[in-house]
Protein backbone atom coordinates (compact mmCIF):
# COMPACT_ATOMS: atom_id res chain seq x y z
CA MET A 1 -30.27 -190.75 41.90
CA ILE A 2 -34.01 -191.27 41.63
CA VAL A 3 -36.09 -190.19 44.59
CA THR A 4 -39.72 -191.18 44.91
CA LYS A 5 -42.16 -189.80 47.43
CA LYS A 6 -45.79 -190.59 47.98
CA ILE A 7 -48.10 -187.61 48.21
CA ASP A 8 -51.62 -187.89 49.57
CA LEU A 9 -53.67 -186.05 46.97
CA ASN A 10 -56.50 -185.58 49.46
CA LYS A 11 -54.31 -183.38 51.68
CA LYS A 12 -52.86 -179.93 51.06
CA LEU A 13 -49.16 -179.98 50.14
CA THR A 14 -46.76 -179.02 52.89
CA LYS A 15 -44.15 -176.29 52.37
CA LYS A 16 -41.48 -179.01 52.28
CA GLN A 17 -43.35 -180.93 49.54
CA ILE A 18 -43.84 -177.75 47.50
CA LYS A 19 -40.12 -176.96 47.82
CA MET A 20 -39.19 -180.50 46.72
CA LEU A 21 -41.46 -180.25 43.66
CA GLU A 22 -40.05 -176.84 42.70
CA GLU A 23 -36.47 -178.15 43.02
CA ALA A 24 -37.34 -181.19 40.89
CA ARG A 25 -38.90 -178.98 38.21
CA ASN A 26 -35.76 -176.82 38.06
CA ARG A 27 -33.32 -179.74 38.07
CA GLU A 28 -31.40 -180.31 34.84
CA ASP A 29 -32.17 -183.47 32.88
CA VAL A 30 -29.48 -186.14 33.02
CA TYR A 31 -28.29 -187.73 29.78
CA ASP A 32 -28.40 -191.54 29.76
CA PRO A 33 -26.35 -193.06 26.90
CA ASP A 34 -28.49 -196.22 27.08
CA CYS A 35 -31.56 -194.12 26.34
CA PRO A 36 -30.58 -191.31 23.95
CA PRO A 37 -33.13 -188.64 22.97
CA GLN A 38 -35.25 -189.58 19.97
CA THR A 39 -36.21 -187.24 17.14
CA GLU A 40 -39.71 -187.22 15.69
CA GLU A 41 -38.32 -189.06 12.66
CA ASP A 42 -36.78 -191.74 14.93
CA LEU A 43 -40.12 -192.22 16.68
CA LYS A 44 -41.98 -192.68 13.37
CA GLN A 45 -39.88 -195.78 12.69
CA PHE A 46 -41.21 -197.56 15.76
CA ILE A 47 -44.19 -199.85 15.64
CA ARG A 48 -46.27 -200.23 18.76
CA VAL A 49 -46.09 -203.85 19.84
CA GLY A 50 -48.65 -205.04 22.33
CA ASN A 51 -47.17 -208.47 22.94
CA LYS A 52 -44.23 -207.47 25.14
CA LYS A 53 -44.05 -207.96 28.86
CA HIS A 54 -41.83 -206.20 31.37
CA VAL A 55 -39.62 -208.66 33.27
CA THR A 56 -36.71 -208.46 35.67
CA ILE A 57 -33.88 -210.96 35.19
CA TYR A 58 -30.36 -211.31 36.50
CA LEU A 59 -27.68 -211.54 33.82
CA ASP A 60 -23.94 -212.10 34.15
CA ASN A 61 -21.84 -208.94 33.89
CA VAL A 62 -20.03 -210.40 30.88
CA VAL A 63 -23.38 -210.73 29.06
CA ILE A 64 -24.36 -207.13 29.79
CA ASP A 65 -20.90 -205.88 28.79
CA TYR A 66 -21.04 -207.85 25.52
CA PHE A 67 -24.41 -206.41 24.51
CA LYS A 68 -23.49 -202.88 25.62
CA ASN A 69 -20.34 -203.01 23.47
CA LEU A 70 -22.37 -204.38 20.56
CA SER A 71 -24.86 -201.59 21.17
CA GLN A 72 -22.16 -198.97 20.63
CA GLU A 73 -21.10 -200.64 17.39
CA THR A 74 -24.64 -200.88 16.02
CA ASP A 75 -26.37 -197.85 17.57
CA ILE A 76 -29.11 -200.19 18.81
CA PRO A 77 -29.97 -200.09 22.54
CA TYR A 78 -28.51 -203.09 24.34
CA GLN A 79 -31.91 -204.17 25.73
CA THR A 80 -33.23 -204.28 22.16
CA LEU A 81 -30.24 -206.37 21.07
CA ILE A 82 -30.85 -208.85 23.88
CA ASN A 83 -34.51 -209.10 22.89
CA MET A 84 -33.59 -209.50 19.20
CA TYR A 85 -31.22 -212.36 20.03
CA LEU A 86 -33.73 -214.12 22.28
CA ARG A 87 -36.44 -213.66 19.64
CA HIS A 88 -34.12 -215.22 17.04
CA CYS A 89 -33.61 -218.20 19.37
CA ALA A 90 -37.35 -218.54 19.92
CA ASP A 91 -38.22 -218.22 16.22
CA ASP A 92 -35.59 -220.77 15.18
CA LYS A 93 -36.27 -223.02 18.20
CA ILE A 94 -32.63 -222.78 19.31
CA LYS A 95 -32.23 -224.54 22.64
CA PRO A 96 -29.50 -223.66 25.13
CA ASP A 97 -26.81 -226.18 25.96
CA THR A 98 -27.93 -227.43 29.35
CA LYS A 99 -25.16 -229.95 29.86
CA TRP A 100 -23.39 -228.62 32.92
CA LYS A 101 -19.68 -229.01 33.27
CA LYS A 102 -18.39 -230.43 36.53
CA THR A 103 -16.27 -228.00 38.52
CA GLY A 104 -13.52 -228.73 41.00
């Protein structure tokens, strides 16, 4: 669980705030399989790209599950796989099928 607190830097820290900071410093890191630790050699392979933008989108669970499973097969983070696929569509001008099927 991530906890965020705002601290007024113009005021002296309270005992409670100091205790919270000390507890946070002593807390063990949590491993996230979607974001494994990177070695220095891993990091050298990355190229800084300045043309990316952070977005929030809602995706179907089946889409997330598909890319997470593919991620385990390929050792590529699922967010990267999603971006790679969308980039492929953009580069090749692949348009989605927007013909909606009638339901009911």
